[in-house]
Every structure is written in C-alpha cells, then in structure tokens.
Amino acid sequence: MQELNYEKNSKVLSHKDEVISFKCELQENLQKAMKEFVEQHPNWDQYRILQAAIAGFLMQKGFQNRDLTRLYIGNMFSMSFED
C-alpha cells in the first residue's frame, strides 16, 4: 500500500492552527478510492478528505464546537475563516 503524504496543506491550515500528525493504516479499497477521488478532484487532497470526514463524523455524533464546524465547512466548500 502506498504511504500517505505527510506534508502540510497550506489551504486548510493557518498560522494559528496546531498540527498533530498521526499514522493510520487504511484498508486497500479505501486507499484506492481516496486516490481515485484525489486524481479526479485536484482541489482535494488526502488531508482535506480525512479532516472533513473526521469533523463530519464528530458533528453527526453530537459534538458541538465552533472551530470544528469551521474546519468542516472550510474543507467541504474550500472556504477560509478568519477570526
């Protein structure tokens, strides 16, 4: 399985954001699907997909946090929110 690219995405991160890296193993079919999606949608990358997925999951489970909502919406709609 191809390793994920661990470079920071400057579109999503601002100078105020903290970045915490973690390694995770993905099932091969999930890795392939994510790779195909990124190839078809060049404005997305693996970090944006994972951030949107995790934020969306937490929001669906009832976690309410303004920063989380901003991250989710920013990733989904390529928006940047300034405080």
N, C-alpha and C. Protein backbone atom coordinates (compact mmCIF):
# COMPACT_ATOMS: atom_id res chain seq x y z
N MET A 1 0.85 -1.18 0.00
CA MET A 1 0.00 0.00 0.00
C MET A 1 0.89 1.24 0.00
N GLN A 2 0.51 2.21 -0.77
CA GLN A 2 1.28 3.45 -0.87
C GLN A 2 1.14 4.27 0.40
N GLU A 3 2.24 4.84 0.87
CA GLU A 3 2.23 5.66 2.08
C GLU A 3 1.54 6.99 1.82
N LEU A 4 0.91 7.54 2.84
CA LEU A 4 0.29 8.85 2.73
C LEU A 4 1.36 9.93 2.72
N ASN A 5 1.07 11.02 2.08
CA ASN A 5 1.97 12.16 2.03
C ASN A 5 1.71 13.00 3.27
N TYR A 6 2.74 13.24 4.09
CA TYR A 6 2.55 13.93 5.36
C TYR A 6 2.92 15.42 5.31
N GLU A 7 2.93 16.03 4.15
CA GLU A 7 3.21 17.46 4.07
C GLU A 7 1.98 18.25 4.47
N LYS A 8 2.17 19.43 5.04
CA LYS A 8 1.06 20.27 5.49
C LYS A 8 0.35 20.89 4.30
N ASN A 9 -0.96 21.01 4.38
CA ASN A 9 -1.75 21.63 3.34
C ASN A 9 -1.98 23.08 3.74
N SER A 10 -1.36 24.02 3.04
CA SER A 10 -1.45 25.43 3.40
C SER A 10 -2.84 26.01 3.15
N LYS A 11 -3.65 25.38 2.29
CA LYS A 11 -5.00 25.87 2.04
C LYS A 11 -5.88 25.69 3.26
N VAL A 12 -5.67 24.59 3.98
CA VAL A 12 -6.52 24.27 5.12
C VAL A 12 -5.97 24.84 6.42
N LEU A 13 -4.66 24.86 6.55
CA LEU A 13 -4.04 25.29 7.80
C LEU A 13 -3.71 26.77 7.78
N SER A 14 -3.90 27.40 8.90
CA SER A 14 -3.46 28.78 9.03
C SER A 14 -2.31 28.80 10.03
N HIS A 15 -1.67 29.96 10.15
CA HIS A 15 -0.53 30.05 11.06
C HIS A 15 -0.93 29.83 12.51
N LYS A 16 -2.21 29.95 12.85
CA LYS A 16 -2.67 29.78 14.22
C LYS A 16 -2.99 28.31 14.55
N ASP A 17 -3.15 27.48 13.53
CA ASP A 17 -3.55 26.09 13.75
C ASP A 17 -2.40 25.26 14.28
N GLU A 18 -2.73 24.34 15.18
CA GLU A 18 -1.77 23.36 15.62
C GLU A 18 -1.95 22.13 14.75
N VAL A 19 -0.87 21.48 14.40
CA VAL A 19 -0.93 20.29 13.58
C VAL A 19 -0.43 19.12 14.41
N ILE A 20 -1.23 18.09 14.47
CA ILE A 20 -0.85 16.87 15.16
C ILE A 20 -0.89 15.76 14.11
N SER A 21 0.24 15.16 13.87
CA SER A 21 0.32 14.09 12.88
C SER A 21 0.06 12.74 13.55
N PHE A 22 -0.56 11.86 12.81
CA PHE A 22 -0.72 10.50 13.27
C PHE A 22 -0.67 9.58 12.06
N LYS A 23 -0.24 8.38 12.31
CA LYS A 23 -0.18 7.37 11.27
C LYS A 23 -1.34 6.43 11.46
N CYS A 24 -1.95 6.06 10.36
CA CYS A 24 -3.00 5.06 10.45
C CYS A 24 -2.94 4.18 9.20
N GLU A 25 -3.33 2.96 9.37
CA GLU A 25 -3.38 2.05 8.24
C GLU A 25 -4.79 2.10 7.67
N LEU A 26 -4.86 2.20 6.34
CA LEU A 26 -6.15 2.20 5.66
C LEU A 26 -6.32 0.89 4.92
N GLN A 27 -7.54 0.42 4.87
CA GLN A 27 -7.82 -0.75 4.05
C GLN A 27 -7.48 -0.39 2.60
N GLU A 28 -7.03 -1.36 1.86
CA GLU A 28 -6.58 -1.10 0.50
C GLU A 28 -7.68 -0.50 -0.37
N ASN A 29 -8.93 -0.98 -0.23
CA ASN A 29 -10.02 -0.44 -1.05
C ASN A 29 -10.31 1.02 -0.70
N LEU A 30 -10.17 1.39 0.56
CA LEU A 30 -10.37 2.78 0.96
C LEU A 30 -9.24 3.65 0.41
N GLN A 31 -8.02 3.15 0.49
CA GLN A 31 -6.86 3.88 -0.06
C GLN A 31 -7.03 4.11 -1.56
N LYS A 32 -7.46 3.08 -2.29
CA LYS A 32 -7.65 3.20 -3.74
C LYS A 32 -8.75 4.21 -4.06
N ALA A 33 -9.85 4.15 -3.32
CA ALA A 33 -10.96 5.08 -3.55
C ALA A 33 -10.53 6.52 -3.29
N MET A 34 -9.78 6.73 -2.22
CA MET A 34 -9.31 8.07 -1.90
C MET A 34 -8.35 8.57 -2.98
N LYS A 35 -7.47 7.70 -3.45
CA LYS A 35 -6.52 8.08 -4.50
C LYS A 35 -7.25 8.44 -5.79
N GLU A 36 -8.25 7.66 -6.17
CA GLU A 36 -9.03 7.96 -7.38
C GLU A 36 -9.79 9.28 -7.23
N PHE A 37 -10.34 9.51 -6.05
CA PHE A 37 -11.07 10.75 -5.81
C PHE A 37 -10.16 11.96 -5.96
N VAL A 38 -8.96 11.88 -5.35
CA VAL A 38 -7.99 12.99 -5.43
C VAL A 38 -7.55 13.22 -6.87
N GLU A 39 -7.37 12.14 -7.63
CA GLU A 39 -6.98 12.29 -9.04
C GLU A 39 -8.07 12.98 -9.86
N GLN A 40 -9.34 12.73 -9.53
CA GLN A 40 -10.46 13.32 -10.26
C GLN A 40 -10.82 14.72 -9.75
N HIS A 41 -10.41 15.04 -8.53
CA HIS A 41 -10.74 16.33 -7.90
C HIS A 41 -9.45 16.96 -7.37
N PRO A 42 -8.69 17.64 -8.23
CA PRO A 42 -7.37 18.14 -7.82
C PRO A 42 -7.39 19.19 -6.71
N ASN A 43 -8.54 19.79 -6.43
CA ASN A 43 -8.61 20.76 -5.34
C ASN A 43 -8.73 20.06 -3.97
N TRP A 44 -8.85 18.75 -3.96
CA TRP A 44 -8.88 17.96 -2.73
C TRP A 44 -7.56 17.22 -2.58
N ASP A 45 -7.17 16.94 -1.35
CA ASP A 45 -6.04 16.06 -1.08
C ASP A 45 -6.42 15.17 0.09
N GLN A 46 -5.52 14.23 0.43
CA GLN A 46 -5.85 13.26 1.46
C GLN A 46 -6.09 13.90 2.82
N TYR A 47 -5.44 15.02 3.09
CA TYR A 47 -5.62 15.69 4.38
C TYR A 47 -7.01 16.33 4.46
N ARG A 48 -7.39 16.95 3.39
CA ARG A 48 -8.71 17.60 3.35
C ARG A 48 -9.81 16.55 3.48
N ILE A 49 -9.66 15.42 2.81
CA ILE A 49 -10.65 14.34 2.90
C ILE A 49 -10.75 13.83 4.34
N LEU A 50 -9.62 13.52 4.94
CA LEU A 50 -9.64 12.98 6.30
C LEU A 50 -10.16 13.99 7.32
N GLN A 51 -9.75 15.25 7.18
CA GLN A 51 -10.24 16.28 8.11
C GLN A 51 -11.75 16.45 7.97
N ALA A 52 -12.24 16.51 6.75
CA ALA A 52 -13.68 16.66 6.54
C ALA A 52 -14.44 15.44 7.07
N ALA A 53 -13.89 14.24 6.84
CA ALA A 53 -14.55 13.02 7.31
C ALA A 53 -14.61 12.95 8.83
N ILE A 54 -13.50 13.24 9.49
CA ILE A 54 -13.47 13.18 10.96
C ILE A 54 -14.36 14.27 11.55
N ALA A 55 -14.27 15.48 11.02
CA ALA A 55 -15.10 16.57 11.53
C ALA A 55 -16.59 16.26 11.31
N GLY A 56 -16.92 15.75 10.13
CA GLY A 56 -18.31 15.39 9.84
C GLY A 56 -18.82 14.30 10.76
N PHE A 57 -18.00 13.29 11.02
CA PHE A 57 -18.38 12.22 11.92
C PHE A 57 -18.65 12.76 13.33
N LEU A 58 -17.73 13.58 13.83
CA LEU A 58 -17.91 14.13 15.19
C LEU A 58 -19.16 14.99 15.28
N MET A 59 -19.42 15.78 14.24
CA MET A 59 -20.62 16.63 14.25
C MET A 59 -21.88 15.76 14.22
N GLN A 60 -21.88 14.69 13.43
CA GLN A 60 -23.04 13.79 13.37
C GLN A 60 -23.29 13.11 14.71
N LYS A 61 -22.22 12.89 15.47
CA LYS A 61 -22.36 12.24 16.77
C LYS A 61 -22.69 13.22 17.89
N GLY A 62 -22.93 14.50 17.53
CA GLY A 62 -23.40 15.46 18.51
C GLY A 62 -22.34 16.34 19.13
N PHE A 63 -21.09 16.21 18.71
CA PHE A 63 -20.03 17.06 19.25
C PHE A 63 -20.21 18.46 18.67
N GLN A 64 -20.38 19.44 19.52
CA GLN A 64 -20.61 20.81 19.06
C GLN A 64 -19.45 21.69 19.47
N ASN A 65 -18.81 22.28 18.46
CA ASN A 65 -17.67 23.13 18.68
C ASN A 65 -17.54 24.04 17.47
N ARG A 66 -17.45 25.33 17.70
CA ARG A 66 -17.40 26.31 16.60
C ARG A 66 -16.19 26.07 15.68
N ASP A 67 -15.02 25.78 16.27
CA ASP A 67 -13.83 25.55 15.46
C ASP A 67 -13.98 24.30 14.59
N LEU A 68 -14.59 23.25 15.14
CA LEU A 68 -14.84 22.03 14.39
C LEU A 68 -15.78 22.31 13.22
N THR A 69 -16.83 23.08 13.47
CA THR A 69 -17.77 23.44 12.41
C THR A 69 -17.07 24.23 11.31
N ARG A 70 -16.23 25.16 11.69
CA ARG A 70 -15.48 25.95 10.70
C ARG A 70 -14.55 25.07 9.88
N LEU A 71 -13.88 24.14 10.54
CA LEU A 71 -12.99 23.23 9.83
C LEU A 71 -13.77 22.38 8.83
N TYR A 72 -14.89 21.84 9.26
CA TYR A 72 -15.71 21.01 8.38
C TYR A 72 -16.21 21.80 7.18
N ILE A 73 -16.81 22.95 7.42
CA ILE A 73 -17.34 23.76 6.32
C ILE A 73 -16.21 24.26 5.43
N GLY A 74 -15.12 24.66 6.03
CA GLY A 74 -13.97 25.12 5.25
C GLY A 74 -13.44 24.04 4.32
N ASN A 75 -13.36 22.82 4.81
CA ASN A 75 -12.89 21.72 3.97
C ASN A 75 -13.90 21.35 2.89
N MET A 76 -15.16 21.32 3.23
CA MET A 76 -16.17 20.91 2.27
C MET A 76 -16.35 21.93 1.15
N PHE A 77 -16.21 23.21 1.47
CA PHE A 77 -16.52 24.23 0.48
C PHE A 77 -15.33 25.12 0.14
N SER A 78 -14.12 24.67 0.46
CA SER A 78 -12.89 25.41 0.17
C SER A 78 -12.94 26.84 0.67
N MET A 79 -13.40 27.02 1.89
CA MET A 79 -13.51 28.34 2.47
C MET A 79 -12.44 28.51 3.54
N SER A 80 -12.04 29.74 3.76
CA SER A 80 -11.12 30.05 4.84
C SER A 80 -11.79 31.04 5.77
N PHE A 81 -11.81 30.74 7.05
CA PHE A 81 -12.45 31.61 8.03
C PHE A 81 -11.40 32.31 8.86
N GLU A 82 -11.50 33.59 8.93
CA GLU A 82 -10.61 34.40 9.76
C GLU A 82 -11.35 34.80 11.02
N ASP A 83 -10.68 34.79 12.16
CA ASP A 83 -11.34 35.21 13.41
C ASP A 83 -11.49 36.71 13.47
